[in-house]
N, C-alpha and C. Protein backbone atom coordinates (compact mmCIF):
# COMPACT_ATOMS: atom_id res chain seq x y z
N MET A 1 0.45 -1.31 0.37
CA MET A 1 -0.06 0.40 0.52
C MET A 1 0.60 1.72 0.15
N ALA A 2 0.51 1.94 -1.07
CA ALA A 2 1.40 3.83 -1.11
C ALA A 2 1.28 4.30 0.03
N LYS A 3 1.99 5.08 0.27
CA LYS A 3 2.25 6.02 1.83
C LYS A 3 1.81 7.77 1.23
N PRO A 4 0.68 8.14 2.55
CA PRO A 4 -0.15 9.25 1.76
C PRO A 4 1.48 10.46 1.57
N ASN A 5 1.06 11.43 0.94
CA ASN A 5 2.07 12.24 0.42
C ASN A 5 1.76 13.60 1.69
N TYR A 6 2.01 13.40 2.54
CA TYR A 6 1.05 14.76 3.15
C TYR A 6 2.03 15.95 3.29
N GLN A 7 2.77 15.68 2.66
CA GLN A 7 3.50 17.05 2.46
C GLN A 7 2.72 17.92 0.98
N PHE A 8 2.13 16.95 0.29
CA PHE A 8 1.67 17.49 -1.19
C PHE A 8 -0.06 17.90 -0.41
N GLU A 9 -0.18 16.70 0.59
CA GLU A 9 -1.77 17.43 0.79
C GLU A 9 -1.73 18.79 2.01
N LYS A 10 -0.89 18.61 2.68
CA LYS A 10 -0.32 20.75 3.32
C LYS A 10 -0.52 21.46 2.18
N ARG A 11 0.39 21.66 1.24
CA ARG A 11 0.62 21.87 0.33
C ARG A 11 -0.86 23.25 -0.68
N GLN A 12 -1.28 21.42 -0.81
CA GLN A 12 -2.74 21.87 -1.13
C GLN A 12 -4.15 22.71 -0.16
N ARG A 13 -4.00 22.32 0.77
CA ARG A 13 -4.47 23.49 2.17
C ARG A 13 -4.27 24.41 1.98
N GLU A 14 -2.75 24.95 2.36
CA GLU A 14 -2.30 26.06 2.09
C GLU A 14 -2.27 26.62 0.57
N LEU A 15 -2.70 26.14 0.04
CA LEU A 15 -2.97 27.16 -1.63
C LEU A 15 -4.81 27.60 -1.97
N GLU A 16 -5.70 26.45 -1.30
CA GLU A 16 -6.76 26.53 -1.11
C GLU A 16 -6.64 28.01 0.10
N LYS A 17 -6.07 27.84 1.13
CA LYS A 17 -6.36 28.70 2.11
C LYS A 17 -6.26 30.57 1.03
N LYS A 18 -4.70 30.04 0.57
CA LYS A 18 -4.03 31.65 -0.12
C LYS A 18 -5.81 32.06 -0.79
N ARG A 19 -5.78 31.08 -2.09
CA ARG A 19 -6.97 31.46 -3.01
C ARG A 19 -7.97 32.21 -2.18
N LYS A 20 -8.52 31.54 -1.13
CA LYS A 20 -9.38 32.17 -0.22
C LYS A 20 -9.23 33.88 0.25
N LYS A 21 -7.84 33.56 1.10
CA LYS A 21 -8.00 34.96 1.19
C LYS A 21 -8.38 36.34 0.07
N GLU A 22 -7.89 35.60 -1.02
CA GLU A 22 -7.07 36.71 -1.66
C GLU A 22 -8.91 37.16 -2.42
N GLU A 23 -9.84 36.06 -2.73
CA GLU A 23 -10.62 36.32 -2.81
C GLU A 23 -11.38 37.22 -1.82
N LYS A 24 -11.67 37.26 -0.99
CA LYS A 24 -11.38 37.80 -0.04
C LYS A 24 -11.42 39.27 0.03
N ALA A 25 -9.97 39.29 -0.49
CA ALA A 25 -9.23 41.18 -0.58
C ALA A 25 -10.05 41.29 -1.30
N GLN A 26 -9.79 40.42 -2.49
CA GLN A 26 -10.82 40.99 -3.85
C GLN A 26 -12.19 42.25 -3.66
N ARG A 27 -13.07 41.66 -2.87
CA ARG A 27 -14.58 41.54 -2.74
C ARG A 27 -14.50 42.21 -1.26
N LYS A 28 -12.99 42.52 -0.52
CA LYS A 28 -13.29 43.69 0.53
C LYS A 28 -13.00 45.13 -0.29
N ALA A 29 -12.30 44.55 -1.49
CA ALA A 29 -11.35 45.94 -2.14
C ALA A 29 -12.51 46.57 -2.91
N GLN A 30 -13.32 45.68 -4.13
CA GLN A 30 -14.68 46.02 -3.99
C GLN A 30 -15.92 47.08 -3.47
N GLY A 31 -15.40 46.42 -2.16
CA GLY A 31 -16.98 47.38 -1.54
C GLY A 31 -17.90 47.52 -1.58
N GLY A 32 -18.94 48.34 -1.88
CA GLY A 32 -20.17 47.81 -2.04
C GLY A 32 -20.78 48.55 -3.48
N GLN A 33 -19.21 48.38 -4.95
CA GLN A 33 -19.86 48.70 -5.78
C GLN A 33 -20.31 47.67 -6.52
N ASP A 34 -20.37 46.57 -5.56
CA ASP A 34 -21.36 45.18 -6.77
C ASP A 34 -23.14 45.31 -6.36
N ARG A 35 -23.45 46.52 -5.86
CA ARG A 35 -24.79 45.73 -4.86
C ARG A 35 -25.47 46.31 -5.82
N SER A 36 -26.56 45.89 -6.09
CA SER A 36 -27.66 45.91 -6.88
C SER A 36 -28.81 46.62 -5.44
N PRO A 37 -29.41 47.68 -6.81
CA PRO A 37 -30.02 47.91 -5.52
C PRO A 37 -31.34 47.59 -4.27
N GLU A 38 -31.97 46.46 -5.12
CA GLU A 38 -32.68 45.73 -3.93
C GLU A 38 -32.17 45.55 -3.21
N ASP A 39 -31.17 45.56 -3.04
CA ASP A 39 -29.95 45.36 -1.71
C ASP A 39 -30.15 46.02 -0.84
N GLU A 40 -29.72 47.77 -1.67
CA GLU A 40 -30.42 48.25 -0.51
C GLU A 40 -31.54 48.90 -0.27
N ASN A 41 -31.96 48.07 -1.03
CA ASN A 41 -33.65 48.33 0.13
C ASN A 41 -34.00 47.40 0.81
N ALA A 42 -32.87 46.44 1.55
CA ALA A 42 -34.09 45.34 1.93
C ALA A 42 -33.79 45.25 2.99
N ASP A 43 -34.02 45.17 4.30
CA ASP A 43 -34.00 45.23 5.76
C ASP A 43 -32.79 44.25 6.02
N PRO A 44 -31.67 44.58 6.52
CA PRO A 44 -31.36 43.09 7.28
C PRO A 44 -31.50 42.57 8.26
N GLN A 45 -32.71 43.70 8.75
CA GLN A 45 -32.79 42.95 10.21
C GLN A 45 -34.25 42.38 10.37
N ALA A 46 -34.92 42.49 9.77
CA ALA A 46 -36.28 42.02 8.70
C ALA A 46 -35.93 40.58 9.16
N PRO A 47 -36.88 39.53 9.45
CA PRO A 47 -36.80 38.69 8.84
C PRO A 47 -37.48 37.72 8.08
N ALA A 48 -37.10 36.79 7.66
CA ALA A 48 -36.99 36.56 6.19
C ALA A 48 -38.16 36.24 5.98
N SER A 49 -39.19 35.80 6.53
CA SER A 49 -40.60 35.19 6.58
C SER A 49 -41.36 35.38 8.26
N PRO A 50 -43.06 35.90 7.54
CA PRO A 50 -43.30 36.17 9.11
C PRO A 50 -43.26 35.17 10.10
N ASP A 51 -43.23 33.82 9.73
CA ASP A 51 -42.76 32.27 10.49
C ASP A 51 -42.15 32.72 11.20
N ALA A 52 -40.70 33.58 11.23
CA ALA A 52 -39.63 33.03 11.83
C ALA A 52 -39.64 34.12 12.52
N ALA A 53 -40.29 35.22 12.95
CA ALA A 53 -40.81 36.63 13.38
C ALA A 53 -41.42 35.83 14.90
N ASP A 54 -42.28 34.66 14.29
CA ASP A 54 -43.26 34.41 15.75
C ASP A 54 -42.17 33.18 16.43
N GLU A 55 -42.06 32.49 15.67
CA GLU A 55 -40.64 31.64 16.84
C GLU A 55 -39.43 32.46 17.12
N GLN A 56 -39.49 34.19 17.30
CA GLN A 56 -38.10 34.86 17.87
C GLN A 56 -39.19 35.32 18.84
N ALA A 57 -39.99 35.42 18.91
CA ALA A 57 -40.67 36.49 20.25
C ALA A 57 -40.21 35.62 21.03
N PRO A 58 -40.55 36.20 21.95
CA PRO A 58 -40.05 35.27 23.27
C PRO A 58 -42.17 34.84 24.05
N SER A 59 -42.21 33.55 24.68
CA SER A 59 -43.57 33.25 25.11
C SER A 59 -43.61 34.05 26.14
N ALA A 60 -45.01 34.26 26.60
CA ALA A 60 -45.31 34.56 28.20
C ALA A 60 -45.78 33.70 28.42
């Protein structure tokens, strides 16, 4: 049975982390330029559905 190549696996993980970090930095650099008008009108604090509001309300 072949031995696992741990160095190769580690390098692949490192490359994946680096790629994700670069993508995140690129999105951050773009800022809010790519936001659509409907995103600006949406209330981020509002629940997604009326049922969700009922579940979050404390019961008395």
